[in-house]
């Protein structure tokens, strides 16, 4: 079995759980958005495009912190977490980069007990 196939199987299983919970199949961006919401607790009726990007940035930093790429530097006055990059993220082709992020997302959800 290829690592890529294992990630894909686990990703489909996560997607199925999220479909059960939310009634919609999420793409990677939507999953990162959910992680950002989870990590910040930022729940408002209307979220701007910039806020969505900020939430996804928090998500990427959070999931990559699991492997030591980022460390949480603290929260700002509004409670948003801030991170410091402490090691270089590998340069990967698009598909490899997506699998790298998906693998970290899967680890995050596993550690959250989901």
C-alpha atoms as a PDB file:
ATOM      1  CA  UNK A   1       0.000   0.000   0.000  1.00  0.00           C
ATOM      2  CA  UNK A   2       1.260   3.453  -0.862  1.00  0.00           C
ATOM      3  CA  UNK A   3       1.315   6.196   1.726  1.00  0.00           C
ATOM      4  CA  UNK A   4      -0.802   8.305  -0.642  1.00  0.00           C
ATOM      5  CA  UNK A   5      -3.459   5.571  -0.733  1.00  0.00           C
ATOM      6  CA  UNK A   6      -3.495   5.360   3.072  1.00  0.00           C
ATOM      7  CA  UNK A   7      -3.962   9.129   3.373  1.00  0.00           C
ATOM      8  CA  UNK A   8      -6.748   9.008   0.790  1.00  0.00           C
ATOM      9  CA  UNK A   9      -8.561   6.194   2.619  1.00  0.00           C
ATOM     10  CA  UNK A  10      -8.297   8.015   5.947  1.00  0.00           C
ATOM     11  CA  UNK A  11      -9.366  11.287   4.305  1.00  0.00           C
ATOM     12  CA  UNK A  12     -12.483   9.653   2.856  1.00  0.00           C
ATOM     13  CA  UNK A  13     -13.307   8.281   6.314  1.00  0.00           C
ATOM     14  CA  UNK A  14     -12.970  11.792   7.802  1.00  0.00           C
ATOM     15  CA  UNK A  15     -15.117  13.245   5.018  1.00  0.00           C
ATOM     16  CA  UNK A  16     -17.803  10.640   5.748  1.00  0.00           C
ATOM     17  CA  UNK A  17     -17.825  11.598   9.446  1.00  0.00           C
ATOM     18  CA  UNK A  18     -18.089  15.279   8.551  1.00  0.00           C
ATOM     19  CA  UNK A  19     -20.928  14.571   6.106  1.00  0.00           C
ATOM     20  CA  UNK A  20     -22.754  12.753   8.919  1.00  0.00           C
ATOM     21  CA  UNK A  21     -22.201  15.704  11.245  1.00  0.00           C
ATOM     22  CA  UNK A  22     -22.832  18.621   8.862  1.00  0.00           C
ATOM     23  CA  UNK A  23     -24.774  17.095   5.962  1.00  0.00           C
ATOM     24  CA  UNK A  24     -22.265  18.278   3.362  1.00  0.00           C
ATOM     25  CA  UNK A  25     -19.025  16.892   1.951  1.00  0.00           C
ATOM     26  CA  UNK A  26     -16.262  19.371   2.777  1.00  0.00           C
ATOM     27  CA  UNK A  27     -13.203  20.101   0.687  1.00  0.00           C
ATOM     28  CA  UNK A  28      -9.783  20.686   2.260  1.00  0.00           C
ATOM     29  CA  UNK A  29     -10.386  24.426   2.587  1.00  0.00           C
ATOM     30  CA  UNK A  30     -13.669  23.848   4.410  1.00  0.00           C
ATOM     31  CA  UNK A  31     -11.977  21.404   6.794  1.00  0.00           C
ATOM     32  CA  UNK A  32      -9.229  23.950   7.504  1.00  0.00           C
ATOM     33  CA  UNK A  33     -11.921  26.559   8.112  1.00  0.00           C
ATOM     34  CA  UNK A  34     -13.569  24.213  10.650  1.00  0.00           C
ATOM     35  CA  UNK A  35     -10.243  23.671  12.415  1.00  0.00           C
ATOM     36  CA  UNK A  36      -9.756  27.445  12.557  1.00  0.00           C
ATOM     37  CA  UNK A  37     -13.205  27.899  14.072  1.00  0.00           C
ATOM     38  CA  UNK A  38     -12.483  25.150  16.590  1.00  0.00           C
ATOM     39  CA  UNK A  39      -9.159  26.664  17.608  1.00  0.00           C
ATOM     40  CA  UNK A  40     -10.356  30.260  17.921  1.00  0.00           C
ATOM     41  CA  UNK A  41     -13.930  29.789  19.065  1.00  0.00           C
ATOM     42  CA  UNK A  42     -14.719  32.593  16.619  1.00  0.00           C
ATOM     43  CA  UNK A  43     -18.408  32.223  15.915  1.00  0.00           C
ATOM     44  CA  UNK A  44     -20.257  35.150  14.357  1.00  0.00           C
ATOM     45  CA  UNK A  45     -23.164  35.328  11.951  1.00  0.00           C
ATOM     46  CA  UNK A  46     -21.235  36.915   9.077  1.00  0.00           C
ATOM     47  CA  UNK A  47     -17.553  36.167   8.430  1.00  0.00           C
ATOM     48  CA  UNK A  48     -15.605  38.215   5.891  1.00  0.00           C
ATOM     49  CA  UNK A  49     -13.284  36.707   3.302  1.00  0.00           C
ATOM     50  CA  UNK A  50     -10.292  38.084   5.242  1.00  0.00           C
ATOM     51  CA  UNK A  51     -11.551  36.495   8.477  1.00  0.00           C
ATOM     52  CA  UNK A  52     -11.978  33.151   6.663  1.00  0.00           C
ATOM     53  CA  UNK A  53      -8.381  33.410   5.464  1.00  0.00           C
ATOM     54  CA  UNK A  54      -7.250  34.245   8.998  1.00  0.00           C
ATOM     55  CA  UNK A  55      -9.126  31.227  10.371  1.00  0.00           C
ATOM     56  CA  UNK A  56      -7.540  28.963   7.761  1.00  0.00           C
ATOM     57  CA  UNK A  57      -4.103  30.401   8.612  1.00  0.00           C
ATOM     58  CA  UNK A  58      -4.682  29.578  12.295  1.00  0.00           C
ATOM     59  CA  UNK A  59      -5.686  26.071  11.218  1.00  0.00           C
ATOM     60  CA  UNK A  60      -2.560  25.518   9.111  1.00  0.00           C
ATOM     61  CA  UNK A  61      -0.300  26.771  11.899  1.00  0.00           C
ATOM     62  CA  UNK A  62      -2.151  24.620  14.443  1.00  0.00           C
ATOM     63  CA  UNK A  63      -1.951  21.415  12.436  1.00  0.00           C
ATOM     64  CA  UNK A  64       1.697  21.959  11.473  1.00  0.00           C
ATOM     65  CA  UNK A  65       2.599  22.754  15.089  1.00  0.00           C
ATOM     66  CA  UNK A  66       1.998  19.057  15.761  1.00  0.00           C
ATOM     67  CA  UNK A  67       5.171  18.298  13.778  1.00  0.00           C
ATOM     68  CA  UNK A  68       7.201  21.187  15.162  1.00  0.00           C
ATOM     69  CA  UNK A  69       6.933  23.587  12.220  1.00  0.00           C
ATOM     70  CA  UNK A  70       5.221  26.240  14.355  1.00  0.00           C
ATOM     71  CA  UNK A  71       4.912  27.030  18.039  1.00  0.00           C
ATOM     72  CA  UNK A  72       2.097  29.020  19.549  1.00  0.00           C
ATOM     73  CA  UNK A  73       3.448  32.438  20.583  1.00  0.00           C
ATOM     74  CA  UNK A  74       0.327  33.434  22.491  1.00  0.00           C
ATOM     75  CA  UNK A  75      -2.981  35.163  21.882  1.00  0.00           C
ATOM     76  CA  UNK A  76      -3.647  38.758  20.917  1.00  0.00           C
ATOM     77  CA  UNK A  77      -6.023  41.090  22.757  1.00  0.00           C
ATOM     78  CA  UNK A  78      -8.980  39.650  20.810  1.00  0.00           C
ATOM     79  CA  UNK A  79      -8.044  36.100  21.777  1.00  0.00           C
ATOM     80  CA  UNK A  80      -6.716  35.042  18.386  1.00  0.00           C
ATOM     81  CA  UNK A  81      -3.726  32.676  18.559  1.00  0.00           C
ATOM     82  CA  UNK A  82      -0.434  33.710  16.988  1.00  0.00           C
ATOM     83  CA  UNK A  83       2.335  31.367  15.932  1.00  0.00           C
ATOM     84  CA  UNK A  84       6.037  31.507  15.195  1.00  0.00           C
ATOM     85  CA  UNK A  85       7.530  29.340  12.476  1.00  0.00           C
ATOM     86  CA  UNK A  86      10.465  27.415  13.936  1.00  0.00           C
ATOM     87  CA  UNK A  87      11.412  25.074  11.100  1.00  0.00           C
ATOM     88  CA  UNK A  88      11.222  25.157   7.336  1.00  0.00           C
ATOM     89  CA  UNK A  89       8.214  23.561   5.699  1.00  0.00           C
ATOM     90  CA  UNK A  90       9.332  21.200   2.943  1.00  0.00           C
ATOM     91  CA  UNK A  91       8.989  22.394  -0.630  1.00  0.00           C
ATOM     92  CA  UNK A  92       6.605  19.976  -2.300  1.00  0.00           C
ATOM     93  CA  UNK A  93       4.692  19.645  -5.550  1.00  0.00           C
ATOM     94  CA  UNK A  94       0.983  20.488  -5.372  1.00  0.00           C
ATOM     95  CA  UNK A  95      -0.318  16.934  -4.817  1.00  0.00           C
ATOM     96  CA  UNK A  96       2.394  16.169  -2.258  1.00  0.00           C
ATOM     97  CA  UNK A  97       1.670  19.466  -0.496  1.00  0.00           C
ATOM     98  CA  UNK A  98      -2.042  18.622  -0.315  1.00  0.00           C
ATOM     99  CA  UNK A  99      -1.265  15.178   1.109  1.00  0.00           C
ATOM    100  CA  UNK A 100       1.141  16.745   3.618  1.00  0.00           C
ATOM    101  CA  UNK A 101      -1.631  19.062   4.851  1.00  0.00           C
ATOM    102  CA  UNK A 102      -4.253  16.292   4.796  1.00  0.00           C
ATOM    103  CA  UNK A 103      -2.001  14.008   6.841  1.00  0.00           C
ATOM    104  CA  UNK A 104      -1.635  16.729   9.481  1.00  0.00           C
ATOM    105  CA  UNK A 105      -5.387  17.427   9.456  1.00  0.00           C
ATOM    106  CA  UNK A 106      -6.043  13.723   9.985  1.00  0.00           C
ATOM    107  CA  UNK A 107      -3.617  13.686  12.906  1.00  0.00           C
ATOM    108  CA  UNK A 108      -5.356  16.736  14.391  1.00  0.00           C
ATOM    109  CA  UNK A 109      -8.794  15.098  14.234  1.00  0.00           C
ATOM    110  CA  UNK A 110      -7.390  11.852  15.614  1.00  0.00           C
ATOM    111  CA  UNK A 111      -5.870  13.709  18.572  1.00  0.00           C
ATOM    112  CA  UNK A 112      -9.188  15.527  19.090  1.00  0.00           C
ATOM    113  CA  UNK A 113     -10.882  12.126  19.360  1.00  0.00           C
ATOM    114  CA  UNK A 114     -13.043  12.669  16.297  1.00  0.00           C
END
